[in-house]
Amino acid sequence: DDLLQALRRLRHRGHEVIVFHVLEGETERRFQFPNAPMLFRDAE
């Protein structure tokens, strides 16, 4: 919600905005990992 509000504030100040949402499609968008138990780690 804070991020969306920040984007709105940029527009409110008169700036034009483009958001490029970058993901690795095979695993991050479609979750195509091998069908076996896997250990996942949050990078952040």
ModelCIF file with pLDDT and N, C-alpha, C, O atoms, coordinates in Angstrom:
data_MODEL
#
_entry.id   MODEL 
#
_entity.id                         1 
_entity.type                       polymer 
_entity.pdbx_number_of_molecules   1 
#
_entity_poly.entity_id                      1 
_entity_poly.type                           'polypeptide(L)' 
_entity_poly.nstd_linkage                   no 
_entity_poly.nstd_monomer                   no 
_entity_poly.pdbx_seq_one_letter_code       DDLLQALRRLRHRGHEVIVFHVLEGETERRFQFPNAPMLFRDAE 
_entity_poly.pdbx_seq_one_letter_code_can   DDLLQALRRLRHRGHEVIVFHVLEGETERRFQFPNAPMLFRDAE 
_entity_poly.pdbx_strand_id                 A 
#
loop_
_entity_poly_seq.entity_id 
_entity_poly_seq.num 
_entity_poly_seq.mon_id 
_entity_poly_seq.hetero 
1 1  ASP n 
1 2  ASP n 
1 3  LEU n 
1 4  LEU n 
1 5  GLN n 
1 6  ALA n 
1 7  LEU n 
1 8  ARG n 
1 9  ARG n 
1 10 LEU n 
1 11 ARG n 
1 12 HIS n 
1 13 ARG n 
1 14 GLY n 
1 15 HIS n 
1 16 GLU n 
1 17 VAL n 
1 18 ILE n 
1 19 VAL n 
1 20 PHE n 
1 21 HIS n 
1 22 VAL n 
1 23 LEU n 
1 24 GLU n 
1 25 GLY n 
1 26 GLU n 
1 27 THR n 
1 28 GLU n 
1 29 ARG n 
1 30 ARG n 
1 31 PHE n 
1 32 GLN n 
1 33 PHE n 
1 34 PRO n 
1 35 ASN n 
1 36 ALA n 
1 37 PRO n 
1 38 MET n 
1 39 LEU n 
1 40 PHE n 
1 41 ARG n 
1 42 ASP n 
1 43 ALA n 
1 44 GLU n 
#
_struct_asym.id          A 
_struct_asym.entity_id   1 
#
loop_
_ma_qa_metric.id 
_ma_qa_metric.mode 
_ma_qa_metric.name 
_ma_qa_metric.software_group_id 
_ma_qa_metric.type 
1 global pLDDT . pLDDT 
2 local  pLDDT . pLDDT 
#
_ma_qa_metric_global.metric_id      1 
_ma_qa_metric_global.metric_value   90.18 
_ma_qa_metric_global.model_id       1 
_ma_qa_metric_global.ordinal_id     1 
#
loop_
_ma_qa_metric_local.label_asym_id 
_ma_qa_metric_local.label_comp_id 
_ma_qa_metric_local.label_seq_id 
_ma_qa_metric_local.metric_id 
_ma_qa_metric_local.metric_value 
_ma_qa_metric_local.model_id 
_ma_qa_metric_local.ordinal_id 
A ASP 1  2 86.00 1 1  
A ASP 2  2 88.00 1 2  
A LEU 3  2 89.00 1 3  
A LEU 4  2 91.00 1 4  
A GLN 5  2 92.00 1 5  
A ALA 6  2 92.00 1 6  
A LEU 7  2 93.00 1 7  
A ARG 8  2 93.00 1 8  
A ARG 9  2 93.00 1 9  
A LEU 10 2 93.00 1 10 
A ARG 11 2 94.00 1 11 
A HIS 12 2 92.00 1 12 
A ARG 13 2 92.00 1 13 
A GLY 14 2 92.00 1 14 
A HIS 15 2 95.00 1 15 
A GLU 16 2 95.00 1 16 
A VAL 17 2 96.00 1 17 
A ILE 18 2 97.00 1 18 
A VAL 19 2 97.00 1 19 
A PHE 20 2 97.00 1 20 
A HIS 21 2 96.00 1 21 
A VAL 22 2 97.00 1 22 
A LEU 23 2 96.00 1 23 
A GLU 24 2 95.00 1 24 
A GLY 25 2 92.00 1 25 
A GLU 26 2 93.00 1 26 
A THR 27 2 93.00 1 27 
A GLU 28 2 93.00 1 28 
A ARG 29 2 91.00 1 29 
A ARG 30 2 92.00 1 30 
A PHE 31 2 91.00 1 31 
A GLN 32 2 91.00 1 32 
A PHE 33 2 90.00 1 33 
A PRO 34 2 88.00 1 34 
A ASN 35 2 85.00 1 35 
A ALA 36 2 86.00 1 36 
A PRO 37 2 86.00 1 37 
A MET 38 2 87.00 1 38 
A LEU 39 2 87.00 1 39 
A PHE 40 2 86.00 1 40 
A ARG 41 2 82.00 1 41 
A ASP 42 2 76.00 1 42 
A ALA 43 2 70.00 1 43 
A GLU 44 2 68.00 1 44 
#
loop_
_atom_site.group_PDB 
_atom_site.id 
_atom_site.type_symbol 
_atom_site.label_atom_id 
_atom_site.label_alt_id 
_atom_site.label_comp_id 
_atom_site.label_asym_id 
_atom_site.label_entity_id 
_atom_site.label_seq_id 
_atom_site.pdbx_PDB_ins_code 
_atom_site.Cartn_x 
_atom_site.Cartn_y 
_atom_site.Cartn_z 
_atom_site.occupancy 
_atom_site.B_iso_or_equiv 
_atom_site.pdbx_formal_charge 
_atom_site.auth_seq_id 
_atom_site.auth_comp_id 
_atom_site.auth_asym_id 
_atom_site.auth_atom_id 
_atom_site.pdbx_PDB_model_num 
ATOM 1   N N  . ASP A 1 1  ? 0.829  -1.201  0.000   1.00 86.00 ? 1  ASP A N  1 
ATOM 2   C CA . ASP A 1 1  ? 0.000  0.000   0.000   1.00 86.00 ? 1  ASP A CA 1 
ATOM 3   C C  . ASP A 1 1  ? 0.864  1.252   0.000   1.00 86.00 ? 1  ASP A C  1 
ATOM 4   O O  . ASP A 1 1  ? 0.553  2.226   -0.684  1.00 86.00 ? 1  ASP A O  1 
ATOM 5   N N  . ASP A 1 2  ? 1.951  1.226   0.768   1.00 88.00 ? 2  ASP A N  1 
ATOM 6   C CA . ASP A 1 2  ? 2.865  2.372   0.808   1.00 88.00 ? 2  ASP A CA 1 
ATOM 7   C C  . ASP A 1 2  ? 3.497  2.609   -0.559  1.00 88.00 ? 2  ASP A C  1 
ATOM 8   O O  . ASP A 1 2  ? 3.663  3.753   -0.982  1.00 88.00 ? 2  ASP A O  1 
ATOM 9   N N  . LEU A 1 3  ? 3.850  1.521   -1.251  1.00 89.00 ? 3  LEU A N  1 
ATOM 10  C CA . LEU A 1 3  ? 4.466  1.651   -2.563  1.00 89.00 ? 3  LEU A CA 1 
ATOM 11  C C  . LEU A 1 3  ? 3.482  2.249   -3.566  1.00 89.00 ? 3  LEU A C  1 
ATOM 12  O O  . LEU A 1 3  ? 3.841  3.144   -4.332  1.00 89.00 ? 3  LEU A O  1 
ATOM 13  N N  . LEU A 1 4  ? 2.253  1.762   -3.563  1.00 91.00 ? 4  LEU A N  1 
ATOM 14  C CA . LEU A 1 4  ? 1.245  2.323   -4.462  1.00 91.00 ? 4  LEU A CA 1 
ATOM 15  C C  . LEU A 1 4  ? 1.000  3.795   -4.148  1.00 91.00 ? 4  LEU A C  1 
ATOM 16  O O  . LEU A 1 4  ? 0.829  4.609   -5.055  1.00 91.00 ? 4  LEU A O  1 
ATOM 17  N N  . GLN A 1 5  ? 0.983  4.131   -2.865  1.00 92.00 ? 5  GLN A N  1 
ATOM 18  C CA . GLN A 1 5  ? 0.787  5.527   -2.478  1.00 92.00 ? 5  GLN A CA 1 
ATOM 19  C C  . GLN A 1 5  ? 1.952  6.395   -2.944  1.00 92.00 ? 5  GLN A C  1 
ATOM 20  O O  . GLN A 1 5  ? 1.748  7.537   -3.358  1.00 92.00 ? 5  GLN A O  1 
ATOM 21  N N  . ALA A 1 6  ? 3.165  5.863   -2.879  1.00 92.00 ? 6  ALA A N  1 
ATOM 22  C CA . ALA A 1 6  ? 4.335  6.609   -3.341  1.00 92.00 ? 6  ALA A CA 1 
ATOM 23  C C  . ALA A 1 6  ? 4.266  6.868   -4.842  1.00 92.00 ? 6  ALA A C  1 
ATOM 24  O O  . ALA A 1 6  ? 4.648  7.942   -5.307  1.00 92.00 ? 6  ALA A O  1 
ATOM 25  N N  . LEU A 1 7  ? 3.778  5.885   -5.601  1.00 93.00 ? 7  LEU A N  1 
ATOM 26  C CA . LEU A 1 7  ? 3.604  6.073   -7.046  1.00 93.00 ? 7  LEU A CA 1 
ATOM 27  C C  . LEU A 1 7  ? 2.555  7.148   -7.322  1.00 93.00 ? 7  LEU A C  1 
ATOM 28  O O  . LEU A 1 7  ? 2.717  7.963   -8.230  1.00 93.00 ? 7  LEU A O  1 
ATOM 29  N N  . ARG A 1 8  ? 1.494  7.143   -6.546  1.00 93.00 ? 8  ARG A N  1 
ATOM 30  C CA . ARG A 1 8  ? 0.449  8.163   -6.705  1.00 93.00 ? 8  ARG A CA 1 
ATOM 31  C C  . ARG A 1 8  ? 1.002  9.559   -6.403  1.00 93.00 ? 8  ARG A C  1 
ATOM 32  O O  . ARG A 1 8  ? 0.661  10.531  -7.078  1.00 93.00 ? 8  ARG A O  1 
ATOM 33  N N  . ARG A 1 9  ? 1.856  9.644   -5.385  1.00 93.00 ? 9  ARG A N  1 
ATOM 34  C CA . ARG A 1 9  ? 2.421  10.954  -5.045  1.00 93.00 ? 9  ARG A CA 1 
ATOM 35  C C  . ARG A 1 9  ? 3.306  11.485  -6.163  1.00 93.00 ? 9  ARG A C  1 
ATOM 36  O O  . ARG A 1 9  ? 3.326  12.688  -6.423  1.00 93.00 ? 9  ARG A O  1 
ATOM 37  N N  . LEU A 1 10 ? 4.039  10.593  -6.824  1.00 93.00 ? 10 LEU A N  1 
ATOM 38  C CA . LEU A 1 10 ? 4.829  11.033  -7.984  1.00 93.00 ? 10 LEU A CA 1 
ATOM 39  C C  . LEU A 1 10 ? 3.934  11.630  -9.054  1.00 93.00 ? 10 LEU A C  1 
ATOM 40  O O  . LEU A 1 10 ? 4.248  12.674  -9.626  1.00 93.00 ? 10 LEU A O  1 
ATOM 41  N N  . ARG A 1 11 ? 2.822  10.966  -9.321  1.00 94.00 ? 11 ARG A N  1 
ATOM 42  C CA . ARG A 1 11 ? 1.887  11.492  -10.320 1.00 94.00 ? 11 ARG A CA 1 
ATOM 43  C C  . ARG A 1 11 ? 1.260  12.812  -9.860  1.00 94.00 ? 11 ARG A C  1 
ATOM 44  O O  . ARG A 1 11 ? 1.069  13.733  -10.654 1.00 94.00 ? 11 ARG A O  1 
ATOM 45  N N  . HIS A 1 12 ? 0.945  12.884  -8.566  1.00 92.00 ? 12 HIS A N  1 
ATOM 46  C CA . HIS A 1 12 ? 0.331  14.104  -8.030  1.00 92.00 ? 12 HIS A CA 1 
ATOM 47  C C  . HIS A 1 12 ? 1.262  15.300  -8.192  1.00 92.00 ? 12 HIS A C  1 
ATOM 48  O O  . HIS A 1 12 ? 0.806  16.432  -8.352  1.00 92.00 ? 12 HIS A O  1 
ATOM 49  N N  . ARG A 1 13 ? 2.559  15.048  -8.148  1.00 92.00 ? 13 ARG A N  1 
ATOM 50  C CA . ARG A 1 13 ? 3.541  16.119  -8.334  1.00 92.00 ? 13 ARG A CA 1 
ATOM 51  C C  . ARG A 1 13 ? 3.768  16.440  -9.814  1.00 92.00 ? 13 ARG A C  1 
ATOM 52  O O  . ARG A 1 13 ? 4.599  17.287  -10.142 1.00 92.00 ? 13 ARG A O  1 
ATOM 53  N N  . GLY A 1 14 ? 3.047  15.780  -10.690 1.00 92.00 ? 14 GLY A N  1 
ATOM 54  C CA . GLY A 1 14 ? 3.112  16.103  -12.108 1.00 92.00 ? 14 GLY A CA 1 
ATOM 55  C C  . GLY A 1 14 ? 4.076  15.275  -12.922 1.00 92.00 ? 14 GLY A C  1 
ATOM 56  O O  . GLY A 1 14 ? 4.249  15.533  -14.113 1.00 92.00 ? 14 GLY A O  1 
ATOM 57  N N  . HIS A 1 15 ? 4.723  14.266  -12.305 1.00 95.00 ? 15 HIS A N  1 
ATOM 58  C CA . HIS A 1 15 ? 5.671  13.438  -13.047 1.00 95.00 ? 15 HIS A CA 1 
ATOM 59  C C  . HIS A 1 15 ? 4.944  12.343  -13.820 1.00 95.00 ? 15 HIS A C  1 
ATOM 60  O O  . HIS A 1 15 ? 3.943  11.799  -13.353 1.00 95.00 ? 15 HIS A O  1 
ATOM 61  N N  . GLU A 1 16 ? 5.455  12.027  -15.001 1.00 95.00 ? 16 GLU A N  1 
ATOM 62  C CA . GLU A 1 16 ? 4.986  10.867  -15.748 1.00 95.00 ? 16 GLU A CA 1 
ATOM 63  C C  . GLU A 1 16 ? 5.749  9.646   -15.244 1.00 95.00 ? 16 GLU A C  1 
ATOM 64  O O  . GLU A 1 16 ? 6.943  9.736   -14.959 1.00 95.00 ? 16 GLU A O  1 
ATOM 65  N N  . VAL A 1 17 ? 5.072  8.512   -15.132 1.00 96.00 ? 17 VAL A N  1 
ATOM 66  C CA . VAL A 1 17 ? 5.688  7.348   -14.499 1.00 96.00 ? 17 VAL A CA 1 
ATOM 67  C C  . VAL A 1 17 ? 5.482  6.096   -15.343 1.00 96.00 ? 17 VAL A C  1 
ATOM 68  O O  . VAL A 1 17 ? 4.389  5.840   -15.848 1.00 96.00 ? 17 VAL A O  1 
ATOM 69  N N  . ILE A 1 18 ? 6.554  5.324   -15.486 1.00 97.00 ? 18 ILE A N  1 
ATOM 70  C CA . ILE A 1 18 ? 6.494  3.972   -16.067 1.00 97.00 ? 18 ILE A CA 1 
ATOM 71  C C  . ILE A 1 18 ? 7.078  3.014   -15.030 1.00 97.00 ? 18 ILE A C  1 
ATOM 72  O O  . ILE A 1 18 ? 8.149  3.269   -14.479 1.00 97.00 ? 18 ILE A O  1 
ATOM 73  N N  . VAL A 1 19 ? 6.374  1.915   -14.767 1.00 97.00 ? 19 VAL A N  1 
ATOM 74  C CA . VAL A 1 19 ? 6.882  0.877   -13.874 1.00 97.00 ? 19 VAL A CA 1 
ATOM 75  C C  . VAL A 1 19 ? 7.205  -0.358  -14.703 1.00 97.00 ? 19 VAL A C  1 
ATOM 76  O O  . VAL A 1 19 ? 6.321  -0.928  -15.343 1.00 97.00 ? 19 VAL A O  1 
ATOM 77  N N  . PHE A 1 20 ? 8.463  -0.770  -14.692 1.00 97.00 ? 20 PHE A N  1 
ATOM 78  C CA . PHE A 1 20 ? 8.868  -2.024  -15.322 1.00 97.00 ? 20 PHE A CA 1 
ATOM 79  C C  . PHE A 1 20 ? 9.024  -3.059  -14.217 1.00 97.00 ? 20 PHE A C  1 
ATOM 80  O O  . PHE A 1 20 ? 9.956  -2.987  -13.415 1.00 97.00 ? 20 PHE A O  1 
ATOM 81  N N  . HIS A 1 21 ? 8.110  -4.020  -14.178 1.00 96.00 ? 21 HIS A N  1 
ATOM 82  C CA . HIS A 1 21 ? 8.107  -5.066  -13.168 1.00 96.00 ? 21 HIS A CA 1 
ATOM 83  C C  . HIS A 1 21 ? 8.919  -6.243  -13.708 1.00 96.00 ? 21 HIS A C  1 
ATOM 84  O O  . HIS A 1 21 ? 8.457  -6.962  -14.595 1.00 96.00 ? 21 HIS A O  1 
ATOM 85  N N  . VAL A 1 22 ? 10.121 -6.440  -13.177 1.00 97.00 ? 22 VAL A N  1 
ATOM 86  C CA . VAL A 1 22 ? 11.068 -7.419  -13.709 1.00 97.00 ? 22 VAL A CA 1 
ATOM 87  C C  . VAL A 1 22 ? 11.048 -8.686  -12.860 1.00 97.00 ? 22 VAL A C  1 
ATOM 88  O O  . VAL A 1 22 ? 11.306 -8.645  -11.657 1.00 97.00 ? 22 VAL A O  1 
ATOM 89  N N  . LEU A 1 23 ? 10.740 -9.809  -13.500 1.00 96.00 ? 23 LEU A N  1 
ATOM 90  C CA . LEU A 1 23 ? 10.786 -11.114 -12.847 1.00 96.00 ? 23 LEU A CA 1 
ATOM 91  C C  . LEU A 1 23 ? 11.424 -12.131 -13.779 1.00 96.00 ? 23 LEU A C  1 
ATOM 92  O O  . LEU A 1 23 ? 11.447 -11.938 -14.995 1.00 96.00 ? 23 LEU A O  1 
ATOM 93  N N  . GLU A 1 24 ? 11.943 -13.215 -13.210 1.00 95.00 ? 24 GLU A N  1 
ATOM 94  C CA . GLU A 1 24 ? 12.371 -14.365 -14.015 1.00 95.00 ? 24 GLU A CA 1 
ATOM 95  C C  . GLU A 1 24 ? 11.128 -15.237 -14.180 1.00 95.00 ? 24 GLU A C  1 
ATOM 96  O O  . GLU A 1 24 ? 10.661 -15.842 -13.215 1.00 95.00 ? 24 GLU A O  1 
ATOM 97  N N  . GLY A 1 25 ? 10.602 -15.302 -15.380 1.00 92.00 ? 25 GLY A N  1 
ATOM 98  C CA . GLY A 1 25 ? 9.272  -15.849 -15.594 1.00 92.00 ? 25 GLY A CA 1 
ATOM 99  C C  . GLY A 1 25 ? 9.085  -17.315 -15.251 1.00 92.00 ? 25 GLY A C  1 
ATOM 100 O O  . GLY A 1 25 ? 8.044  -17.694 -14.714 1.00 92.00 ? 25 GLY A O  1 
ATOM 101 N N  . GLU A 1 26 ? 10.074 -18.145 -15.551 1.00 93.00 ? 26 GLU A N  1 
ATOM 102 C CA . GLU A 1 26 ? 9.903  -19.578 -15.390 1.00 93.00 ? 26 GLU A CA 1 
ATOM 103 C C  . GLU A 1 26 ? 9.702  -19.967 -13.927 1.00 93.00 ? 26 GLU A C  1 
ATOM 104 O O  . GLU A 1 26 ? 8.816  -20.762 -13.615 1.00 93.00 ? 26 GLU A O  1 
ATOM 105 N N  . THR A 1 27 ? 10.513 -19.417 -13.034 1.00 93.00 ? 27 THR A N  1 
ATOM 106 C CA . THR A 1 27 ? 10.433 -19.814 -11.628 1.00 93.00 ? 27 THR A CA 1 
ATOM 107 C C  . THR A 1 27 ? 9.677  -18.807 -10.770 1.00 93.00 ? 27 THR A C  1 
ATOM 108 O O  . THR A 1 27 ? 8.874  -19.203 -9.927  1.00 93.00 ? 27 THR A O  1 
ATOM 109 N N  . GLU A 1 28 ? 9.919  -17.510 -10.968 1.00 93.00 ? 28 GLU A N  1 
ATOM 110 C CA . GLU A 1 28 ? 9.280  -16.520 -10.109 1.00 93.00 ? 28 GLU A CA 1 
ATOM 111 C C  . GLU A 1 28 ? 7.818  -16.280 -10.455 1.00 93.00 ? 28 GLU A C  1 
ATOM 112 O O  . GLU A 1 28 ? 7.002  -16.024 -9.570  1.00 93.00 ? 28 GLU A O  1 
ATOM 113 N N  . ARG A 1 29 ? 7.489  -16.360 -11.729 1.00 91.00 ? 29 ARG A N  1 
ATOM 114 C CA . ARG A 1 29 ? 6.095  -16.107 -12.104 1.00 91.00 ? 29 ARG A CA 1 
ATOM 115 C C  . ARG A 1 29 ? 5.291  -17.407 -12.191 1.00 91.00 ? 29 ARG A C  1 
ATOM 116 O O  . ARG A 1 29 ? 4.124  -17.446 -11.800 1.00 91.00 ? 29 ARG A O  1 
ATOM 117 N N  . ARG A 1 30 ? 5.922  -18.474 -12.707 1.00 92.00 ? 30 ARG A N  1 
ATOM 118 C CA . ARG A 1 30 ? 5.183  -19.731 -12.914 1.00 92.00 ? 30 ARG A CA 1 
ATOM 119 C C  . ARG A 1 30 ? 5.545  -20.820 -11.906 1.00 92.00 ? 30 ARG A C  1 
ATOM 120 O O  . ARG A 1 30 ? 4.887  -21.860 -11.871 1.00 92.00 ? 30 ARG A O  1 
ATOM 121 N N  . PHE A 1 31 ? 6.580  -20.607 -11.083 1.00 91.00 ? 31 PHE A N  1 
ATOM 122 C CA . PHE A 1 31 ? 7.000  -21.527 -10.023 1.00 91.00 ? 31 PHE A CA 1 
ATOM 123 C C  . PHE A 1 31 ? 7.326  -22.923 -10.572 1.00 91.00 ? 31 PHE A C  1 
ATOM 124 O O  . PHE A 1 31 ? 6.957  -23.937 -9.980  1.00 91.00 ? 31 PHE A O  1 
ATOM 125 N N  . GLN A 1 32 ? 8.017  -22.953 -11.701 1.00 91.00 ? 32 GLN A N  1 
ATOM 126 C CA . GLN A 1 32 ? 8.374  -24.210 -12.348 1.00 91.00 ? 32 GLN A CA 1 
ATOM 127 C C  . GLN A 1 32 ? 9.700  -24.726 -11.801 1.00 91.00 ? 32 GLN A C  1 
ATOM 128 O O  . GLN A 1 32 ? 10.745 -24.609 -12.442 1.00 91.00 ? 32 GLN A O  1 
ATOM 129 N N  . PHE A 1 33 ? 9.633  -25.294 -10.609 1.00 90.00 ? 33 PHE A N  1 
ATOM 130 C CA . PHE A 1 33 ? 10.785 -25.947 -9.994  1.00 90.00 ? 33 PHE A CA 1 
ATOM 131 C C  . PHE A 1 33 ? 10.603 -27.462 -10.077 1.00 90.00 ? 33 PHE A C  1 
ATOM 132 O O  . PHE A 1 33 ? 9.484  -27.935 -10.270 1.00 90.00 ? 33 PHE A O  1 
ATOM 133 N N  . PRO A 1 34 ? 11.690 -28.231 -9.933  1.00 88.00 ? 34 PRO A N  1 
ATOM 134 C CA . PRO A 1 34 ? 11.562 -29.704 -9.926  1.00 88.00 ? 34 PRO A CA 1 
ATOM 135 C C  . PRO A 1 34 ? 10.602 -30.167 -8.834  1.00 88.00 ? 34 PRO A C  1 
ATOM 136 O O  . PRO A 1 34 ? 10.499 -29.552 -7.773  1.00 88.00 ? 34 PRO A O  1 
ATOM 137 N N  . ASN A 1 35 ? 9.901  -31.267 -9.117  1.00 85.00 ? 35 ASN A N  1 
ATOM 138 C CA . ASN A 1 35 ? 8.927  -31.807 -8.169  1.00 85.00 ? 35 ASN A CA 1 
ATOM 139 C C  . ASN A 1 35 ? 9.614  -32.659 -7.110  1.00 85.00 ? 35 ASN A C  1 
ATOM 140 O O  . ASN A 1 35 ? 9.473  -33.882 -7.075  1.00 85.00 ? 35 ASN A O  1 
ATOM 141 N N  . ALA A 1 36 ? 10.355 -31.984 -6.256  1.00 86.00 ? 36 ALA A N  1 
ATOM 142 C CA . ALA A 1 36 ? 11.070 -32.630 -5.160  1.00 86.00 ? 36 ALA A CA 1 
ATOM 143 C C  . ALA A 1 36 ? 11.208 -31.600 -4.049  1.00 86.00 ? 36 ALA A C  1 
ATOM 144 O O  . ALA A 1 36 ? 11.214 -30.399 -4.317  1.00 86.00 ? 36 ALA A O  1 
ATOM 145 N N  . PRO A 1 37 ? 11.319 -32.056 -2.801  1.00 86.00 ? 37 PRO A N  1 
ATOM 146 C CA . PRO A 1 37 ? 11.475 -31.108 -1.698  1.00 86.00 ? 37 PRO A CA 1 
ATOM 147 C C  . PRO A 1 37 ? 12.677 -30.188 -1.933  1.00 86.00 ? 37 PRO A C  1 
ATOM 148 O O  . PRO A 1 37 ? 13.766 -30.651 -2.271  1.00 86.00 ? 37 PRO A O  1 
ATOM 149 N N  . MET A 1 38 ? 12.467 -28.884 -1.750  1.00 87.00 ? 38 MET A N  1 
ATOM 150 C CA . MET A 1 38 ? 13.519 -27.903 -2.005  1.00 87.00 ? 38 MET A CA 1 
ATOM 151 C C  . MET A 1 38 ? 13.571 -26.897 -0.862  1.00 87.00 ? 38 MET A C  1 
ATOM 152 O O  . MET A 1 38 ? 12.563 -26.605 -0.219  1.00 87.00 ? 38 MET A O  1 
ATOM 153 N N  . LEU A 1 39 ? 14.768 -26.378 -0.629  1.00 87.00 ? 39 LEU A N  1 
ATOM 154 C CA . LEU A 1 39 ? 14.968 -25.352 0.381   1.00 87.00 ? 39 LEU A CA 1 
ATOM 155 C C  . LEU A 1 39 ? 14.948 -23.984 -0.296  1.00 87.00 ? 39 LEU A C  1 
ATOM 156 O O  . LEU A 1 39 ? 15.737 -23.723 -1.204  1.00 87.00 ? 39 LEU A O  1 
ATOM 157 N N  . PHE A 1 40 ? 14.044 -23.117 0.152   1.00 86.00 ? 40 PHE A N  1 
ATOM 158 C CA . PHE A 1 40 ? 13.928 -21.771 -0.396  1.00 86.00 ? 40 PHE A CA 1 
ATOM 159 C C  . PHE A 1 40 ? 14.393 -20.766 0.656   1.00 86.00 ? 40 PHE A C  1 
ATOM 160 O O  . PHE A 1 40 ? 14.106 -20.905 1.845   1.00 86.00 ? 40 PHE A O  1 
ATOM 161 N N  . ARG A 1 41 ? 15.111 -19.760 0.191   1.00 82.00 ? 41 ARG A N  1 
ATOM 162 C CA . ARG A 1 41 ? 15.621 -18.730 1.094   1.00 82.00 ? 41 ARG A CA 1 
ATOM 163 C C  . ARG A 1 41 ? 15.199 -17.361 0.595   1.00 82.00 ? 41 ARG A C  1 
ATOM 164 O O  . ARG A 1 41 ? 15.387 -17.042 -0.579  1.00 82.00 ? 41 ARG A O  1 
ATOM 165 N N  . ASP A 1 42 ? 14.633 -16.552 1.472   1.00 76.00 ? 42 ASP A N  1 
ATOM 166 C CA . ASP A 1 42 ? 14.242 -15.185 1.151   1.00 76.00 ? 42 ASP A CA 1 
ATOM 167 C C  . ASP A 1 42 ? 15.503 -14.332 1.047   1.00 76.00 ? 42 ASP A C  1 
ATOM 168 O O  . ASP A 1 42 ? 16.251 -14.196 2.015   1.00 76.00 ? 42 ASP A O  1 
ATOM 169 N N  . ALA A 1 43 ? 15.734 -13.758 -0.138  1.00 70.00 ? 43 ALA A N  1 
ATOM 170 C CA . ALA A 1 43 ? 16.957 -12.998 -0.381  1.00 70.00 ? 43 ALA A CA 1 
ATOM 171 C C  . ALA A 1 43 ? 17.031 -11.740 0.472   1.00 70.00 ? 43 ALA A C  1 
ATOM 172 O O  . ALA A 1 43 ? 18.120 -11.225 0.724   1.00 70.00 ? 43 ALA A O  1 
ATOM 173 N N  . GLU A 1 44 ? 15.882 -11.242 0.919   1.00 68.00 ? 44 GLU A N  1 
ATOM 174 C CA . GLU A 1 44 ? 15.867 -9.979  1.658   1.00 68.00 ? 44 GLU A CA 1 
ATOM 175 C C  . GLU A 1 44 ? 15.900 -10.184 3.161   1.00 68.00 ? 44 GLU A C  1 
ATOM 176 O O  . GLU A 1 44 ? 15.892 -9.213  3.917   1.00 68.00 ? 44 GLU A O  1 
#
